[in-house]
Amino acid sequence: MNKKTKVIGAAIALGIIIMLYVSPVLTIRSYILLQGYPIVSITAHIDYNGKLNNGEMAYQVETWIDRETKMPIPYIYLKKNIIGMYYVAEVKVP
């Protein structure tokens, strides 16, 4: 592979990563996927529950059950960083 092909490939990969973390729902889905739940990341129903006082945004995730504890993981809290990309700040388990 020549240098131009490598640069184009890196630009495409970077573009995909940025697109995944610009949307809150895609951020949650990619987080669930990286935790090892590929089917749940596609089929989960995600609802916005509002913004908290500390700037976190609360989302409710249905149908995500932890394999070890067999408990549902209903709430994920997101924050936005300086460049406008979302990240998972906290995951709440009852």
PDB file of N, CA and C in Angstrom:
ATOM      1  N   MET A   1       0.838  -1.179   0.000  1.00  0.00           N
ATOM      2  CA  MET A   1       0.000   0.000   0.000  1.00  0.00           C
ATOM      3  C   MET A   1       0.884   1.244   0.000  1.00  0.00           C
ATOM      4  N   ASN A   2       0.444   2.199  -0.748  1.00  0.00           N
ATOM      5  CA  ASN A   2       1.212   3.440  -0.783  1.00  0.00           C
ATOM      6  C   ASN A   2       0.706   4.410   0.302  1.00  0.00           C
ATOM      7  N   LYS A   3       1.370   5.513   0.421  1.00  0.00           N
ATOM      8  CA  LYS A   3       1.077   6.482   1.471  1.00  0.00           C
ATOM      9  C   LYS A   3      -0.317   7.091   1.316  1.00  0.00           C
ATOM     10  N   LYS A   4      -0.735   7.342   0.080  1.00  0.00           N
ATOM     11  CA  LYS A   4      -2.045   7.951  -0.169  1.00  0.00           C
ATOM     12  C   LYS A   4      -3.167   7.024   0.297  1.00  0.00           C
ATOM     13  N   THR A   5      -3.042   5.738   0.058  1.00  0.00           N
ATOM     14  CA  THR A   5      -4.056   4.771   0.468  1.00  0.00           C
ATOM     15  C   THR A   5      -4.157   4.705   1.988  1.00  0.00           C
ATOM     16  N   LYS A   6      -3.013   4.756   2.670  1.00  0.00           N
ATOM     17  CA  LYS A   6      -3.015   4.726   4.129  1.00  0.00           C
ATOM     18  C   LYS A   6      -3.678   5.977   4.713  1.00  0.00           C
ATOM     19  N   VAL A   7      -3.410   7.123   4.128  1.00  0.00           N
ATOM     20  CA  VAL A   7      -4.002   8.373   4.614  1.00  0.00           C
ATOM     21  C   VAL A   7      -5.512   8.358   4.410  1.00  0.00           C
ATOM     22  N   ILE A   8      -5.956   7.886   3.264  1.00  0.00           N
ATOM     23  CA  ILE A   8      -7.399   7.815   2.996  1.00  0.00           C
ATOM     24  C   ILE A   8      -8.074   6.838   3.959  1.00  0.00           C
ATOM     25  N   GLY A   9      -7.449   5.698   4.199  1.00  0.00           N
ATOM     26  CA  GLY A   9      -7.999   4.717   5.143  1.00  0.00           C
ATOM     27  C   GLY A   9      -8.084   5.269   6.555  1.00  0.00           C
ATOM     28  N   ALA A  10      -7.050   5.989   6.980  1.00  0.00           N
ATOM     29  CA  ALA A  10      -7.057   6.590   8.315  1.00  0.00           C
ATOM     30  C   ALA A  10      -8.132   7.669   8.420  1.00  0.00           C
ATOM     31  N   ALA A  11      -8.322   8.446   7.372  1.00  0.00           N
ATOM     32  CA  ALA A  11      -9.346   9.495   7.378  1.00  0.00           C
ATOM     33  C   ALA A  11     -10.745   8.893   7.463  1.00  0.00           C
ATOM     34  N   ILE A  12     -10.969   7.804   6.757  1.00  0.00           N
ATOM     35  CA  ILE A  12     -12.275   7.138   6.813  1.00  0.00           C
ATOM     36  C   ILE A  12     -12.524   6.569   8.199  1.00  0.00           C
ATOM     37  N   ALA A  13     -11.521   5.924   8.782  1.00  0.00           N
ATOM     38  CA  ALA A  13     -11.666   5.360  10.124  1.00  0.00           C
ATOM     39  C   ALA A  13     -11.937   6.465  11.149  1.00  0.00           C
ATOM     40  N   LEU A  14     -11.229   7.574  11.066  1.00  0.00           N
ATOM     41  CA  LEU A  14     -11.441   8.694  11.974  1.00  0.00           C
ATOM     42  C   LEU A  14     -12.842   9.283  11.795  1.00  0.00           C
ATOM     43  N   GLY A  15     -13.303   9.386  10.567  1.00  0.00           N
ATOM     44  CA  GLY A  15     -14.647   9.889  10.300  1.00  0.00           C
ATOM     45  C   GLY A  15     -15.723   9.014  10.909  1.00  0.00           C
ATOM     46  N   ILE A  16     -15.542   7.698  10.837  1.00  0.00           N
ATOM     47  CA  ILE A  16     -16.512   6.766  11.427  1.00  0.00           C
ATOM     48  C   ILE A  16     -16.528   6.908  12.941  1.00  0.00           C
ATOM     49  N   ILE A  17     -15.359   7.018  13.546  1.00  0.00           N
ATOM     50  CA  ILE A  17     -15.287   7.167  15.003  1.00  0.00           C
ATOM     51  C   ILE A  17     -15.966   8.461  15.440  1.00  0.00           C
ATOM     52  N   ILE A  18     -15.716   9.542  14.740  1.00  0.00           N
ATOM     53  CA  ILE A  18     -16.340  10.822  15.090  1.00  0.00           C
ATOM     54  C   ILE A  18     -17.853  10.751  14.927  1.00  0.00           C
ATOM     55  N   MET A  19     -18.339  10.126  13.864  1.00  0.00           N
ATOM     56  CA  MET A  19     -19.781  10.011  13.647  1.00  0.00           C
ATOM     57  C   MET A  19     -20.451   9.211  14.758  1.00  0.00           C
ATOM     58  N   LEU A  20     -19.774   8.207  15.309  1.00  0.00           N
ATOM     59  CA  LEU A  20     -20.364   7.397  16.368  1.00  0.00           C
ATOM     60  C   LEU A  20     -20.551   8.176  17.665  1.00  0.00           C
ATOM     61  N   TYR A  21     -19.706   9.166  17.907  1.00  0.00           N
ATOM     62  CA  TYR A  21     -19.756   9.869  19.179  1.00  0.00           C
ATOM     63  C   TYR A  21     -20.311  11.279  19.096  1.00  0.00           C
ATOM     64  N   VAL A  22     -20.938  11.638  17.982  1.00  0.00           N
ATOM     65  CA  VAL A  22     -21.592  12.934  17.856  1.00  0.00           C
ATOM     66  C   VAL A  22     -23.056  12.829  18.274  1.00  0.00           C
ATOM     67  N   SER A  23     -23.649  11.672  18.112  1.00  0.00           N
ATOM     68  CA  SER A  23     -25.037  11.440  18.486  1.00  0.00           C
ATOM     69  C   SER A  23     -25.088  10.710  19.834  1.00  0.00           C
ATOM     70  N   PRO A  24     -25.946  11.147  20.767  1.00  0.00           N
ATOM     71  CA  PRO A  24     -26.030  10.456  22.056  1.00  0.00           C
ATOM     72  C   PRO A  24     -26.468   8.996  21.928  1.00  0.00           C
ATOM     73  N   VAL A  25     -27.439   8.731  21.081  1.00  0.00           N
ATOM     74  CA  VAL A  25     -27.935   7.358  20.940  1.00  0.00           C
ATOM     75  C   VAL A  25     -26.863   6.451  20.325  1.00  0.00           C
ATOM     76  N   LEU A  26     -26.138   6.937  19.328  1.00  0.00           N
ATOM     77  CA  LEU A  26     -25.059   6.130  18.755  1.00  0.00           C
ATOM     78  C   LEU A  26     -23.931   5.922  19.755  1.00  0.00           C
ATOM     79  N   THR A  27     -23.693   6.894  20.625  1.00  0.00           N
ATOM     80  CA  THR A  27     -22.701   6.725  21.678  1.00  0.00           C
ATOM     81  C   THR A  27     -23.098   5.600  22.627  1.00  0.00           C
ATOM     82  N   ILE A  28     -24.365   5.570  23.011  1.00  0.00           N
ATOM     83  CA  ILE A  28     -24.857   4.514  23.900  1.00  0.00           C
ATOM     84  C   ILE A  28     -24.783   3.165  23.201  1.00  0.00           C
ATOM     85  N   ARG A  29     -25.205   3.111  21.945  1.00  0.00           N
ATOM     86  CA  ARG A  29     -25.162   1.833  21.217  1.00  0.00           C
ATOM     87  C   ARG A  29     -23.730   1.324  21.053  1.00  0.00           C
ATOM     88  N   SER A  30     -22.781   2.213  20.768  1.00  0.00           N
ATOM     89  CA  SER A  30     -21.394   1.763  20.625  1.00  0.00           C
ATOM     90  C   SER A  30     -20.825   1.342  21.977  1.00  0.00           C
ATOM     91  N   TYR A  31     -21.241   1.994  23.067  1.00  0.00           N
ATOM     92  CA  TYR A  31     -20.801   1.593  24.401  1.00  0.00           C
ATOM     93  C   TYR A  31     -21.302   0.186  24.733  1.00  0.00           C
ATOM     94  N   ILE A  32     -22.587  -0.060  24.462  1.00  0.00           N
ATOM     95  CA  ILE A  32     -23.152  -1.390  24.717  1.00  0.00           C
ATOM     96  C   ILE A  32     -22.445  -2.437  23.865  1.00  0.00           C
ATOM     97  N   LEU A  33     -22.167  -2.121  22.615  1.00  0.00           N
ATOM     98  CA  LEU A  33     -21.454  -3.041  21.733  1.00  0.00           C
ATOM     99  C   LEU A  33     -20.062  -3.360  22.274  1.00  0.00           C
ATOM    100  N   LEU A  34     -19.337  -2.346  22.726  1.00  0.00           N
ATOM    101  CA  LEU A  34     -17.991  -2.559  23.254  1.00  0.00           C
ATOM    102  C   LEU A  34     -17.991  -3.296  24.590  1.00  0.00           C
ATOM    103  N   GLN A  35     -19.132  -3.304  25.288  1.00  0.00           N
ATOM    104  CA  GLN A  35     -19.241  -4.071  26.527  1.00  0.00           C
ATOM    105  C   GLN A  35     -19.500  -5.548  26.268  1.00  0.00           C
ATOM    106  N   GLY A  36     -19.727  -5.910  24.999  1.00  0.00           N
ATOM    107  CA  GLY A  36     -19.902  -7.314  24.644  1.00  0.00           C
ATOM    108  C   GLY A  36     -21.341  -7.744  24.440  1.00  0.00           C
ATOM    109  N   TYR A  37     -22.218  -6.818  24.103  1.00  0.00           N
ATOM    110  CA  TYR A  37     -23.625  -7.122  23.872  1.00  0.00           C
ATOM    111  C   TYR A  37     -24.022  -6.656  22.467  1.00  0.00           C
ATOM    112  N   PRO A  38     -23.587  -7.355  21.410  1.00  0.00           N
ATOM    113  CA  PRO A  38     -23.849  -6.869  20.052  1.00  0.00           C
ATOM    114  C   PRO A  38     -25.323  -6.860  19.664  1.00  0.00           C
ATOM    115  N   ILE A  39     -26.088  -7.863  20.062  1.00  0.00           N
ATOM    116  CA  ILE A  39     -27.511  -7.914  19.705  1.00  0.00           C
ATOM    117  C   ILE A  39     -28.272  -6.815  20.437  1.00  0.00           C
ATOM    118  N   VAL A  40     -27.970  -6.632  21.709  1.00  0.00           N
ATOM    119  CA  VAL A  40     -28.641  -5.595  22.499  1.00  0.00           C
ATOM    120  C   VAL A  40     -28.318  -4.214  21.949  1.00  0.00           C
ATOM    121  N   SER A  41     -27.099  -4.016  21.459  1.00  0.00           N
ATOM    122  CA  SER A  41     -26.739  -2.699  20.933  1.00  0.00           C
ATOM    123  C   SER A  41     -27.574  -2.328  19.716  1.00  0.00           C
ATOM    124  N   ILE A  42     -28.053  -3.314  19.005  1.00  0.00           N
ATOM    125  CA  ILE A  42     -28.890  -3.059  17.825  1.00  0.00           C
ATOM    126  C   ILE A  42     -30.361  -2.934  18.205  1.00  0.00           C
ATOM    127  N   THR A  43     -30.826  -3.781  19.130  1.00  0.00           N
ATOM    128  CA  THR A  43     -32.256  -3.874  19.406  1.00  0.00           C
ATOM    129  C   THR A  43     -32.735  -3.064  20.605  1.00  0.00           C
ATOM    130  N   ALA A  44     -31.844  -2.497  21.405  1.00  0.00           N
ATOM    131  CA  ALA A  44     -32.249  -1.788  22.627  1.00  0.00           C
ATOM    132  C   ALA A  44     -33.094  -0.561  22.308  1.00  0.00           C
ATOM    133  N   HIS A  45     -34.078  -0.333  23.146  1.00  0.00           N
ATOM    134  CA  HIS A  45     -34.930   0.855  23.043  1.00  0.00           C
ATOM    135  C   HIS A  45     -34.367   1.895  24.007  1.00  0.00           C
ATOM    136  N   ILE A  46     -33.976   3.054  23.496  1.00  0.00           N
ATOM    137  CA  ILE A  46     -33.303   4.082  24.286  1.00  0.00           C
ATOM    138  C   ILE A  46     -34.184   5.329  24.348  1.00  0.00           C
ATOM    139  N   ASP A  47     -34.493   5.768  25.579  1.00  0.00           N
ATOM    140  CA  ASP A  47     -35.330   6.959  25.792  1.00  0.00           C
ATOM    141  C   ASP A  47     -34.549   8.026  26.541  1.00  0.00           C
ATOM    142  N   TYR A  48     -34.736   9.279  26.129  1.00  0.00           N
ATOM    143  CA  TYR A  48     -34.120  10.425  26.802  1.00  0.00           C
ATOM    144  C   TYR A  48     -34.952  10.776  28.020  1.00  0.00           C
ATOM    145  N   ASN A  49     -34.307  10.893  29.193  1.00  0.00           N
ATOM    146  CA  ASN A  49     -35.030  11.191  30.429  1.00  0.00           C
ATOM    147  C   ASN A  49     -34.788  12.592  30.954  1.00  0.00           C
ATOM    148  N   GLY A  50     -34.023  13.403  30.264  1.00  0.00           N
ATOM    149  CA  GLY A  50     -33.808  14.773  30.699  1.00  0.00           C
ATOM    150  C   GLY A  50     -32.368  15.042  31.109  1.00  0.00           C
ATOM    151  N   LYS A  51     -32.128  16.306  31.419  1.00  0.00           N
ATOM    152  CA  LYS A  51     -30.790  16.759  31.781  1.00  0.00           C
ATOM    153  C   LYS A  51     -30.726  16.973  33.285  1.00  0.00           C
ATOM    154  N   LEU A  52     -29.638  16.539  33.893  1.00  0.00           N
ATOM    155  CA  LEU A  52     -29.450  16.701  35.329  1.00  0.00           C
ATOM    156  C   LEU A  52     -28.768  18.040  35.620  1.00  0.00           C
ATOM    157  N   ASN A  53     -28.716  18.397  36.891  1.00  0.00           N
ATOM    158  CA  ASN A  53     -28.123  19.683  37.298  1.00  0.00           C
ATOM    159  C   ASN A  53     -26.629  19.764  36.990  1.00  0.00           C
ATOM    160  N   ASN A  54     -25.922  18.632  37.005  1.00  0.00           N
ATOM    161  CA  ASN A  54     -24.483  18.641  36.769  1.00  0.00           C
ATOM    162  C   ASN A  54     -24.129  18.582  35.285  1.00  0.00           C
ATOM    163  N   GLY A  55     -25.110  18.701  34.418  1.00  0.00           N
ATOM    164  CA  GLY A  55     -24.860  18.714  32.980  1.00  0.00           C
ATOM    165  C   GLY A  55     -24.939  17.361  32.304  1.00  0.00           C
ATOM    166  N   GLU A  56     -25.135  16.307  33.076  1.00  0.00           N
ATOM    167  CA  GLU A  56     -25.264  14.980  32.486  1.00  0.00           C
ATOM    168  C   GLU A  56     -26.655  14.805  31.899  1.00  0.00           C
ATOM    169  N   MET A  57     -26.729  14.031  30.835  1.00  0.00           N
ATOM    170  CA  MET A  57     -28.013  13.712  30.222  1.00  0.00           C
ATOM    171  C   MET A  57     -28.349  12.264  30.552  1.00  0.00           C
ATOM    172  N   ALA A  58     -29.561  12.044  31.046  1.00  0.00           N
ATOM    173  CA  ALA A  58     -29.978  10.714  31.475  1.00  0.00           C
ATOM    174  C   ALA A  58     -30.726  10.019  30.344  1.00  0.00           C
ATOM    175  N   TYR A  59     -30.365   8.778  30.093  1.00  0.00           N
ATOM    176  CA  TYR A  59     -31.038   7.948  29.092  1.00  0.00           C
ATOM    177  C   TYR A  59     -31.433   6.635  29.737  1.00  0.00           C
ATOM    178  N   GLN A  60     -32.632   6.174  29.412  1.00  0.00           N
ATOM    179  CA  GLN A  60     -33.101   4.889  29.905  1.00  0.00           C
ATOM    180  C   GLN A  60     -32.955   3.864  28.788  1.00  0.00           C
ATOM    181  N   VAL A  61     -32.336   2.746  29.114  1.00  0.00           N
ATOM    182  CA  VAL A  61     -32.107   1.685  28.136  1.00  0.00           C
ATOM    183  C   VAL A  61     -32.920   0.472  28.560  1.00  0.00           C
ATOM    184  N   GLU A  62     -33.812   0.031  27.698  1.00  0.00           N
ATOM    185  CA  GLU A  62     -34.612  -1.156  27.992  1.00  0.00           C
ATOM    186  C   GLU A  62     -33.963  -2.376  27.348  1.00  0.00           C
ATOM    187  N   THR A  63     -34.176  -3.505  27.925  1.00  0.00           N
ATOM    188  CA  THR A  63     -33.732  -4.827  27.446  1.00  0.00           C
ATOM    189  C   THR A  63     -32.224  -5.062  27.560  1.00  0.00           C
ATOM    190  N   TRP A  64     -31.517  -4.314  28.390  1.00  0.00           N
ATOM    191  CA  TRP A  64     -30.095  -4.581  28.595  1.00  0.00           C
ATOM    192  C   TRP A  64     -29.930  -5.197  29.973  1.00  0.00           C
ATOM    193  N   ILE A  65     -29.588  -6.481  30.024  1.00  0.00           N
ATOM    194  CA  ILE A  65     -29.434  -7.211  31.278  1.00  0.00           C
ATOM    195  C   ILE A  65     -27.995  -7.690  31.382  1.00  0.00           C
ATOM    196  N   ASP A  66     -27.371  -7.421  32.519  1.00  0.00           N
ATOM    197  CA  ASP A  66     -25.988  -7.828  32.754  1.00  0.00           C
ATOM    198  C   ASP A  66     -25.915  -9.348  32.893  1.00  0.00           C
ATOM    199  N   ARG A  67     -24.949  -9.964  32.245  1.00  0.00           N
ATOM    200  CA  ARG A  67     -24.823 -11.418  32.271  1.00  0.00           C
ATOM    201  C   ARG A  67     -24.417 -11.951  33.643  1.00  0.00           C
ATOM    202  N   GLU A  68     -23.564 -11.212  34.347  1.00  0.00           N
ATOM    203  CA  GLU A  68     -23.056 -11.698  35.630  1.00  0.00           C
ATOM    204  C   GLU A  68     -24.076 -11.569  36.750  1.00  0.00           C
ATOM    205  N   THR A  69     -24.689 -10.401  36.876  1.00  0.00           N
ATOM    206  CA  THR A  69     -25.605 -10.161  37.989  1.00  0.00           C
ATOM    207  C   THR A  69     -27.055 -10.492  37.650  1.00  0.00           C
ATOM    208  N   LYS A  70     -27.355 -10.667  36.381  1.00  0.00           N
ATOM    209  CA  LYS A  70     -28.734 -10.915  35.907  1.00  0.00           C
ATOM    210  C   LYS A  70     -29.673  -9.765  36.263  1.00  0.00           C
ATOM    211  N   MET A  71     -29.107  -8.577  36.455  1.00  0.00           N
ATOM    212  CA  MET A  71     -29.891  -7.389  36.778  1.00  0.00           C
ATOM    213  C   MET A  71     -29.965  -6.486  35.555  1.00  0.00           C
ATOM    214  N   PRO A  72     -31.077  -5.776  35.368  1.00  0.00           N
ATOM    215  CA  PRO A  72     -31.144  -4.831  34.252  1.00  0.00           C
ATOM    216  C   PRO A  72     -30.231  -3.635  34.496  1.00  0.00           C
ATOM    217  N   ILE A  73     -29.721  -3.070  33.420  1.00  0.00           N
ATOM    218  CA  ILE A  73     -28.911  -1.856  33.492  1.00  0.00           C
ATOM    219  C   ILE A  73     -29.744  -0.759  32.835  1.00  0.00           C
ATOM    220  N   PRO A  74     -30.594  -0.098  33.618  1.00  0.00           N
ATOM    221  CA  PRO A  74     -31.583   0.787  33.002  1.00  0.00           C
ATOM    222  C   PRO A  74     -31.115   2.200  32.663  1.00  0.00           C
ATOM    223  N   TYR A  75     -30.111   2.723  33.354  1.00  0.00           N
ATOM    224  CA  TYR A  75     -29.780   4.132  33.147  1.00  0.00           C
ATOM    225  C   TYR A  75     -28.325   4.330  32.739  1.00  0.00           C
ATOM    226  N   ILE A  76     -28.139   5.177  31.739  1.00  0.00           N
ATOM    227  CA  ILE A  76     -26.809   5.597  31.304  1.00  0.00           C
ATOM    228  C   ILE A  76     -26.809   7.119  31.286  1.00  0.00           C
ATOM    229  N   TYR A  77     -25.749   7.699  31.824  1.00  0.00           N
ATOM    230  CA  TYR A  77     -25.613   9.151  31.867  1.00  0.00           C
ATOM    231  C   TYR A  77     -24.477   9.571  30.939  1.00  0.00           C
ATOM    232  N   LEU A  78     -24.755  10.515  30.072  1.00  0.00           N
ATOM    233  CA  LEU A  78     -23.772  11.007  29.110  1.00  0.00           C
ATOM    234  C   LEU A  78     -23.373  12.441  29.423  1.00  0.00           C
ATOM    235  N   LYS A  79     -22.154  12.768  29.046  1.00  0.00           N
ATOM    236  CA  LYS A  79     -21.678  14.147  29.098  1.00  0.00           C
ATOM    237  C   LYS A  79     -21.116  14.498  27.735  1.00  0.00           C
ATOM    238  N   LYS A  80     -20.991  15.791  27.496  1.00  0.00           N
ATOM    239  CA  LYS A  80     -20.436  16.284  26.243  1.00  0.00           C
ATOM    240  C   LYS A  80     -19.083  16.908  26.536  1.00  0.00           C
ATOM    241  N   ASN A  81     -18.061  16.552  25.749  1.00  0.00           N
ATOM    242  CA  ASN A  81     -16.740  17.126  25.998  1.00  0.00           C
ATOM    243  C   ASN A  81     -16.572  18.449  25.253  1.00  0.00           C
ATOM    244  N   ILE A  82     -15.396  19.013  25.306  1.00  0.00           N
ATOM    245  CA  ILE A  82     -15.130  20.347  24.756  1.00  0.00           C
ATOM    246  C   ILE A  82     -15.381  20.422  23.254  1.00  0.00           C
ATOM    247  N   ILE A  83     -15.055  19.357  22.533  1.00  0.00           N
ATOM    248  CA  ILE A  83     -15.206  19.401  21.073  1.00  0.00           C
ATOM    249  C   ILE A  83     -16.584  18.932  20.600  1.00  0.00           C
ATOM    250  N   GLY A  84     -17.502  18.680  21.547  1.00  0.00           N
ATOM    251  CA  GLY A  84     -18.867  18.359  21.179  1.00  0.00           C
ATOM    252  C   GLY A  84     -19.172  16.889  21.023  1.00  0.00           C
ATOM    253  N   MET A  85     -18.261  16.023  21.423  1.00  0.00           N
ATOM    254  CA  MET A  85     -18.501  14.581  21.332  1.00  0.00           C
ATOM    255  C   MET A  85     -19.003  14.078  22.683  1.00  0.00           C
ATOM    256  N   TYR A  86     -19.937  13.116  22.652  1.00  0.00           N
ATOM    257  CA  TYR A  86     -20.515  12.560  23.858  1.00  0.00           C
ATOM    258  C   TYR A  86     -19.657  11.398  24.374  1.00  0.00           C
ATOM    259  N   TYR A  87     -19.713  11.199  25.685  1.00  0.00           N
ATOM    260  CA  TYR A  87     -19.073  10.049  26.297  1.00  0.00           C
ATOM    261  C   TYR A  87     -19.921   9.582  27.481  1.00  0.00           C
ATOM    262  N   VAL A  88     -19.793   8.311  27.823  1.00  0.00           N
ATOM    263  CA  VAL A  88     -20.557   7.740  28.920  1.00  0.00           C
ATOM    264  C   VAL A  88     -19.899   8.159  30.230  1.00  0.00           C
ATOM    265  N   ALA A  89     -20.644   8.911  31.036  1.00  0.00           N
ATOM    266  CA  ALA A  89     -20.112   9.388  32.308  1.00  0.00           C
ATOM    267  C   ALA A  89     -20.368   8.375  33.427  1.00  0.00           C
ATOM    268  N   GLU A  90     -21.529   7.707  33.365  1.00  0.00           N
ATOM    269  CA  GLU A  90     -21.890   6.795  34.447  1.00  0.00           C
ATOM    270  C   GLU A  90     -22.946   5.823  33.949  1.00  0.00           C
ATOM    271  N   VAL A  91     -22.892   4.607  34.480  1.00  0.00           N
ATOM    272  CA  VAL A  91     -23.898   3.590  34.214  1.00  0.00           C
ATOM    273  C   VAL A  91     -24.481   3.188  35.565  1.00  0.00           C
ATOM    274  N   LYS A  92     -25.790   3.309  35.705  1.00  0.00           N
ATOM    275  CA  LYS A  92     -26.439   3.008  36.995  1.00  0.00           C
ATOM    276  C   LYS A  92     -27.102   1.647  36.956  1.00  0.00           C
ATOM    277  N   VAL A  93     -26.779   0.857  37.964  1.00  0.00           N
ATOM    278  CA  VAL A  93     -27.417  -0.434  38.161  1.00  0.00           C
ATOM    279  C   VAL A  93     -28.173  -0.354  39.472  1.00  0.00           C
ATOM    280  N   PRO A  94     -29.463  -0.742  39.487  1.00  0.00           N
ATOM    281  CA  PRO A  94     -30.220  -0.643  40.751  1.00  0.00           C
ATOM    282  C   PRO A  94     -29.704  -1.589  41.816  1.00  0.00           C
TER     283      PRO A  94
END
